[in-house]
Amino acid sequence: MSVGEREIKKVPLLRGKTVVNLFFESSTRTRTTFEIAAKRLSADVINVDTRVSATNKGESLLDTIRNLEAMHTDLFVIRHSKSGAAYLVAQHVPPHVRIINAGDGSHAHPTQAMLDMFTIRRYKGSFENLKVAIVGDILHSRVARSQTHALTTLGVPEVRVIAPRTLLPTAVERLGVHAYTDMRAGLEGVDVIIMLRLQRERMQGARIPSEQEFFNLYGLTADKLRLANKDAIVMHPGPMNRGLEIDSAVADGPQSVILPQVTNGIAVRMAVMAIIMAGKAKLEKPEQSSIRKHA
């Protein structure tokens, strides 16, 4: 976090390294924070516009990666609509090339969960006695899956998911969460509320009667927020649909930490890049020492 508070917001950890942001889905916060994070680490950053890339001419994802890797890319940040895309790429690049999953289908969004956990830690201190509620389109949300995994791993004793039955995965309790279809009951006494947007682009058929009814039943208003603990914080991974899943009075209110989440995303993504590239440096050391030995 201290780097972002300096007058000159840069450190040389990734100087000389090339980072490619390869986003096959729309993104503002994630792509931009990854770009800022890489630049603050002094990396060279390339943002590939997939709307005009060769994939739109029939080139496969792996061929796109191979061509970009041939340009001596060190790290790819990949967002894709297909679950498992980043994992697939990771199996087909040389060991020295690093891959970060910036969201794959409805599967996972690891760095979003990390920055959310970091935000909770900063405001709540400890995870041991928390009650956390994740509200909205649980069924289609990769963020919800990563958050649930992170929260249970960190020892949060009670994780709740709140949604209409049509937006809850089958047997969701197997993930170690308590499921609620009544938002008021689900928010009772919680310490953290994480709101999710409706993933309308991934829905097949009508999952809700209407947007207005969804807001009435599952939108976070000041009235519903009062059911949580007085010092509860409100989070949202974005993009945020005001008047659909959250009321403006709550989104801009004193309990909202939505904008600090965005700021924390830069620090967390800097840390992720620095850590995985440090692993790459260790991988390269024997070869470098061999070169020096024969020089």
Protein backbone atom coordinates (compact mmCIF):
# COMPACT_ATOMS: atom_id res chain seq x y z
CA MET A 1 0.00 0.00 0.00
CA SER A 2 2.90 2.40 0.74
CA VAL A 3 3.96 2.52 -2.93
CA GLY A 4 0.63 4.05 -3.88
CA GLU A 5 1.09 6.77 -1.30
CA ARG A 6 4.48 7.91 -2.60
CA GLU A 7 5.00 10.91 -4.85
CA ILE A 8 6.67 8.61 -7.38
CA LYS A 9 4.55 5.46 -7.37
CA LYS A 10 7.08 3.00 -8.76
CA VAL A 11 9.43 0.25 -7.63
CA PRO A 12 11.84 -1.63 -9.95
CA LEU A 13 10.78 -5.21 -9.14
CA LEU A 14 9.60 -6.05 -12.69
CA ARG A 15 11.85 -3.74 -14.66
CA GLY A 16 12.58 -5.29 -18.06
CA LYS A 17 9.64 -7.71 -17.84
CA THR A 18 6.72 -7.73 -20.27
CA VAL A 19 3.16 -8.19 -19.03
CA VAL A 20 0.29 -8.80 -21.48
CA ASN A 21 -3.30 -8.15 -20.42
CA LEU A 22 -5.47 -10.45 -22.50
CA PHE A 23 -9.12 -9.81 -21.69
CA PHE A 24 -11.73 -11.60 -23.79
CA GLU A 25 -14.53 -10.14 -21.64
CA SER A 26 -15.32 -6.54 -20.81
CA SER A 27 -13.58 -5.18 -17.74
CA THR A 28 -12.75 -1.81 -16.26
CA ARG A 29 -11.62 -2.31 -12.67
CA THR A 30 -9.76 -5.60 -13.04
CA ARG A 31 -7.92 -4.75 -16.26
CA THR A 32 -7.07 -1.23 -15.14
CA THR A 33 -5.83 -2.26 -11.70
CA PHE A 34 -3.69 -5.00 -13.24
CA GLU A 35 -2.25 -2.45 -15.65
CA ILE A 36 -1.53 0.07 -12.90
CA ALA A 37 -0.07 -2.67 -10.68
CA ALA A 38 2.31 -3.84 -13.41
CA LYS A 39 3.40 -0.30 -14.24
CA ARG A 40 4.05 0.51 -10.59
CA LEU A 41 6.34 -2.52 -10.58
CA SER A 42 8.10 -0.98 -13.63
CA ALA A 43 7.00 -3.67 -16.09
CA ASP A 44 6.29 -3.01 -19.77
CA VAL A 45 2.53 -3.50 -20.21
CA ILE A 46 0.65 -4.42 -23.38
CA ASN A 47 -3.16 -4.39 -23.47
CA VAL A 48 -4.42 -6.58 -26.31
CA ASP A 49 -7.70 -5.41 -27.78
CA THR A 50 -9.37 -8.78 -28.33
CA ARG A 51 -12.16 -7.14 -30.36
CA VAL A 52 -9.69 -6.68 -33.21
CA SER A 53 -7.30 -9.53 -32.42
CA ALA A 54 -6.70 -12.57 -34.61
CA THR A 55 -9.07 -14.64 -32.46
CA ASN A 56 -11.89 -12.85 -34.26
CA LYS A 57 -10.45 -14.24 -37.50
CA GLY A 58 -10.57 -17.82 -36.26
CA GLU A 59 -7.24 -18.08 -34.45
CA SER A 60 -7.39 -20.33 -31.39
CA LEU A 61 -6.65 -19.10 -27.88
CA LEU A 62 -3.51 -21.22 -27.67
CA ASP A 63 -2.20 -19.96 -31.01
CA THR A 64 -2.77 -16.39 -29.83
CA ILE A 65 -0.81 -17.16 -26.68
CA ARG A 66 2.01 -18.85 -28.60
CA ASN A 67 2.39 -15.85 -30.90
CA LEU A 68 2.47 -13.41 -28.00
CA GLU A 69 4.85 -15.66 -26.05
CA ALA A 70 7.16 -15.66 -29.08
CA MET A 71 7.46 -11.90 -28.51
CA HIS A 72 9.15 -12.72 -25.16
CA THR A 73 6.18 -12.13 -22.90
CA ASP A 74 6.93 -12.94 -19.27
CA LEU A 75 3.45 -12.83 -17.78
CA PHE A 76 -0.09 -13.12 -19.12
CA VAL A 77 -3.14 -11.79 -17.27
CA ILE A 78 -6.10 -13.61 -18.81
CA ARG A 79 -9.85 -13.12 -18.55
CA HIS A 80 -12.03 -15.45 -20.57
CA SER A 81 -15.68 -16.45 -20.80
CA LYS A 82 -14.81 -20.16 -20.68
CA SER A 83 -14.16 -21.81 -17.33
CA GLY A 84 -10.66 -23.28 -17.17
CA ALA A 85 -9.20 -21.06 -19.90
CA ALA A 86 -6.31 -19.76 -17.78
CA TYR A 87 -5.51 -23.29 -16.57
CA LEU A 88 -5.48 -24.53 -20.17
CA VAL A 89 -3.04 -21.80 -21.15
CA ALA A 90 -0.82 -22.55 -18.16
CA GLN A 91 -0.45 -26.15 -19.38
CA HIS A 92 0.81 -25.01 -22.78
CA VAL A 93 3.38 -22.31 -22.05
CA PRO A 94 7.04 -22.75 -21.12
CA PRO A 95 7.81 -22.99 -17.37
CA HIS A 96 9.29 -19.50 -17.27
CA VAL A 97 6.05 -17.86 -18.48
CA ARG A 98 3.60 -16.93 -15.73
CA ILE A 99 -0.22 -16.92 -15.96
CA ILE A 100 -2.69 -15.03 -13.76
CA ASN A 101 -6.37 -15.90 -13.91
CA ALA A 102 -8.33 -12.64 -14.04
CA GLY A 103 -11.66 -14.48 -14.18
CA ASP A 104 -12.73 -17.56 -16.13
CA GLY A 105 -16.38 -18.12 -16.95
CA SER A 106 -18.43 -18.88 -13.84
CA HIS A 107 -15.51 -20.71 -12.25
CA ALA A 108 -13.15 -18.43 -10.34
CA HIS A 109 -11.75 -14.93 -9.87
CA PRO A 110 -8.84 -15.50 -7.46
CA THR A 111 -7.36 -12.00 -7.21
CA GLN A 112 -10.80 -10.47 -6.56
CA ALA A 113 -11.22 -12.81 -3.60
CA MET A 114 -7.72 -11.89 -2.39
CA LEU A 115 -8.38 -8.16 -2.47
CA ASP A 116 -11.75 -8.70 -0.79
CA MET A 117 -10.09 -10.68 2.01
CA PHE A 118 -7.47 -7.96 2.34
CA THR A 119 -10.23 -5.35 2.62
CA ILE A 120 -12.09 -7.35 5.27
CA ARG A 121 -8.86 -7.80 7.22
CA ARG A 122 -8.15 -4.07 7.17
CA TYR A 123 -11.61 -3.17 8.48
CA LYS A 124 -12.31 -6.14 10.75
CA GLY A 125 -8.87 -7.21 11.89
CA SER A 126 -9.61 -10.91 12.29
CA PHE A 127 -11.69 -13.52 10.50
CA GLU A 128 -12.29 -15.72 13.53
CA ASN A 129 -15.60 -14.34 14.78
CA LEU A 130 -17.13 -12.96 11.60
CA LYS A 131 -20.45 -13.60 9.95
CA VAL A 132 -20.24 -12.84 6.23
CA ALA A 133 -23.17 -12.68 3.81
CA ILE A 134 -22.77 -12.90 0.03
CA VAL A 135 -25.92 -11.66 -1.68
CA GLY A 136 -27.19 -11.89 -5.25
CA ASP A 137 -26.51 -14.07 -8.26
CA ILE A 138 -24.57 -16.85 -6.56
CA LEU A 139 -25.26 -19.34 -9.37
CA HIS A 140 -23.36 -17.50 -12.10
CA SER A 141 -20.76 -15.65 -10.02
CA ARG A 142 -17.10 -16.66 -10.22
CA VAL A 143 -16.44 -14.07 -7.52
CA ALA A 144 -18.82 -15.82 -5.11
CA ARG A 145 -17.03 -19.14 -5.62
CA SER A 146 -13.59 -17.66 -4.98
CA GLN A 147 -14.84 -15.64 -2.00
CA THR A 148 -16.49 -18.68 -0.43
CA HIS A 149 -13.31 -20.70 -0.78
CA ALA A 150 -11.20 -17.89 0.67
CA LEU A 151 -13.53 -17.19 3.61
CA THR A 152 -13.82 -20.83 4.65
CA THR A 153 -10.07 -21.33 4.23
CA LEU A 154 -9.37 -18.33 6.47
CA GLY A 155 -11.60 -19.75 9.19
CA VAL A 156 -14.70 -17.55 8.99
CA PRO A 157 -17.15 -19.50 11.19
CA GLU A 158 -20.29 -18.53 9.29
CA VAL A 159 -20.56 -17.75 5.59
CA ARG A 160 -24.06 -17.10 4.29
CA VAL A 161 -25.25 -16.95 0.69
CA ILE A 162 -28.51 -15.12 0.03
CA ALA A 163 -30.42 -15.37 -3.23
CA PRO A 164 -33.67 -16.55 -4.76
CA ARG A 165 -33.69 -20.33 -5.16
CA THR A 166 -33.29 -19.95 -8.94
CA LEU A 167 -29.92 -18.19 -8.39
CA LEU A 168 -28.48 -20.68 -5.90
CA PRO A 169 -26.32 -23.61 -7.08
CA THR A 170 -27.63 -27.10 -6.39
CA ALA A 171 -26.46 -28.40 -2.99
CA VAL A 172 -24.64 -25.12 -2.30
CA GLU A 173 -24.33 -26.11 1.37
CA ARG A 174 -21.58 -28.54 0.36
CA LEU A 175 -19.34 -25.50 -0.05
CA GLY A 176 -19.54 -24.95 3.71
CA VAL A 177 -22.07 -22.12 3.59
CA HIS A 178 -25.55 -21.49 4.95
CA ALA A 179 -28.11 -20.71 2.24
CA TYR A 180 -30.95 -18.21 2.69
CA THR A 181 -33.74 -17.25 0.32
CA ASP A 182 -35.04 -14.61 2.75
CA MET A 183 -32.66 -11.65 2.65
CA ARG A 184 -33.87 -10.15 5.91
CA ALA A 185 -33.24 -13.39 7.79
CA GLY A 186 -29.86 -13.80 6.09
CA LEU A 187 -28.62 -10.32 7.03
CA GLU A 188 -29.50 -10.64 10.70
CA GLY A 189 -26.38 -9.95 12.77
CA VAL A 190 -23.79 -10.15 9.98
CA ASP A 191 -20.49 -8.24 10.02
CA VAL A 192 -19.75 -8.12 6.29
CA ILE A 193 -22.16 -7.88 3.35
CA ILE A 194 -20.83 -8.60 -0.13
CA MET A 195 -23.29 -7.66 -2.87
CA LEU A 196 -23.13 -9.23 -6.34
CA ARG A 197 -24.55 -8.07 -9.64
CA LEU A 198 -26.96 -10.10 -11.73
CA GLN A 199 -24.89 -11.94 -14.36
CA ARG A 200 -27.50 -11.39 -17.04
CA GLU A 201 -25.05 -12.25 -19.85
CA ARG A 202 -24.73 -15.79 -18.44
CA MET A 203 -28.39 -16.43 -17.71
CA GLN A 204 -30.39 -18.80 -19.86
CA GLY A 205 -34.10 -18.17 -19.51
CA ALA A 206 -35.87 -16.09 -16.89
CA ARG A 207 -34.27 -16.52 -13.46
CA ILE A 208 -36.15 -13.66 -11.80
CA PRO A 209 -39.73 -12.37 -12.29
CA SER A 210 -38.56 -8.78 -12.86
CA GLU A 211 -35.70 -6.47 -11.95
CA GLN A 212 -37.98 -4.36 -9.77
CA GLU A 213 -39.12 -7.40 -7.79
CA PHE A 214 -35.52 -8.55 -7.44
CA PHE A 215 -34.58 -5.16 -5.99
CA ASN A 216 -37.55 -5.22 -3.62
CA LEU A 217 -36.59 -8.64 -2.28
CA TYR A 218 -32.79 -8.75 -2.63
CA GLY A 219 -31.58 -5.19 -3.19
CA LEU A 220 -29.57 -3.76 -0.30
CA THR A 221 -31.36 -0.72 1.12
CA ALA A 222 -30.73 1.28 4.29
CA ASP A 223 -33.68 -0.49 5.88
CA LYS A 224 -32.26 -3.95 5.23
CA LEU A 225 -28.76 -2.85 6.21
CA ARG A 226 -30.02 -2.04 9.70
CA LEU A 227 -30.60 -5.77 10.23
CA ALA A 228 -26.83 -6.32 10.16
CA ASN A 229 -24.50 -5.33 12.97
CA LYS A 230 -24.08 -1.57 13.41
CA ASP A 231 -20.45 -1.69 12.33
CA ALA A 232 -21.06 -3.99 9.34
CA ILE A 233 -19.25 -3.09 6.15
CA VAL A 234 -20.75 -3.22 2.65
CA MET A 235 -18.69 -4.50 -0.30
CA HIS A 236 -19.24 -4.96 -4.02
CA PRO A 237 -16.75 -6.33 -6.58
CA GLY A 238 -18.31 -4.25 -9.39
CA PRO A 239 -19.59 -3.34 -11.81
CA MET A 240 -22.38 -2.02 -9.62
CA ASN A 241 -25.98 -1.67 -10.78
CA ARG A 242 -27.58 0.98 -8.61
CA GLY A 243 -31.27 0.40 -8.04
CA LEU A 244 -30.97 -3.28 -8.94
CA GLU A 245 -28.79 -4.95 -6.31
CA ILE A 246 -27.88 -1.93 -4.19
CA ASP A 247 -29.41 1.44 -3.36
CA SER A 248 -27.29 4.56 -3.92
CA ALA A 249 -27.78 5.64 -0.30
CA VAL A 250 -26.02 2.43 0.79
CA ALA A 251 -23.39 2.36 -1.98
CA ASP A 252 -22.30 5.91 -1.08
CA GLY A 253 -23.01 5.60 2.65
CA PRO A 254 -20.64 5.48 5.63
CA GLN A 255 -20.62 1.67 5.82
CA SER A 256 -19.60 1.22 2.19
CA VAL A 257 -15.99 0.19 1.49
CA ILE A 258 -16.56 -0.30 -2.24
CA LEU A 259 -14.03 2.30 -3.39
CA PRO A 260 -11.35 1.13 -0.92
CA GLN A 261 -11.79 -2.31 -2.48
CA VAL A 262 -10.69 -0.86 -5.81
CA THR A 263 -7.67 0.82 -4.24
CA ASN A 264 -6.73 -2.38 -2.42
CA GLY A 265 -6.94 -4.24 -5.72
CA ILE A 266 -3.83 -2.45 -6.98
CA ALA A 267 -1.75 -3.41 -3.94
CA VAL A 268 -2.93 -7.03 -3.97
CA ARG A 269 -2.30 -7.46 -7.68
CA MET A 270 1.14 -5.89 -7.30
CA ALA A 271 1.87 -8.45 -4.59
CA VAL A 272 0.64 -11.36 -6.74
CA MET A 273 2.78 -10.27 -9.70
CA ALA A 274 5.85 -9.71 -7.54
CA ILE A 275 5.52 -13.10 -5.85
CA ILE A 276 5.04 -15.18 -8.99
CA MET A 277 7.77 -13.34 -10.87
CA ALA A 278 10.11 -13.85 -7.92
CA GLY A 279 9.49 -17.56 -8.48
CA LYS A 280 10.48 -17.08 -12.09
CA ALA A 281 13.71 -15.35 -11.04
CA LYS A 282 14.60 -18.36 -8.88
CA LEU A 283 13.91 -20.63 -11.85
CA GLU A 284 16.32 -18.60 -13.97
CA LYS A 285 19.16 -18.40 -11.44
CA PRO A 286 20.84 -21.77 -12.19
CA GLU A 287 21.00 -20.92 -15.90
CA GLN A 288 22.40 -17.47 -15.16
CA SER A 289 25.03 -18.89 -12.82
CA SER A 290 25.99 -21.40 -15.53
CA ILE A 291 26.48 -18.57 -18.01
CA ARG A 292 28.70 -16.72 -15.56
CA LYS A 293 30.66 -19.91 -14.88
CA HIS A 294 31.51 -20.34 -18.55
CA ALA A 295 32.13 -16.67 -19.25
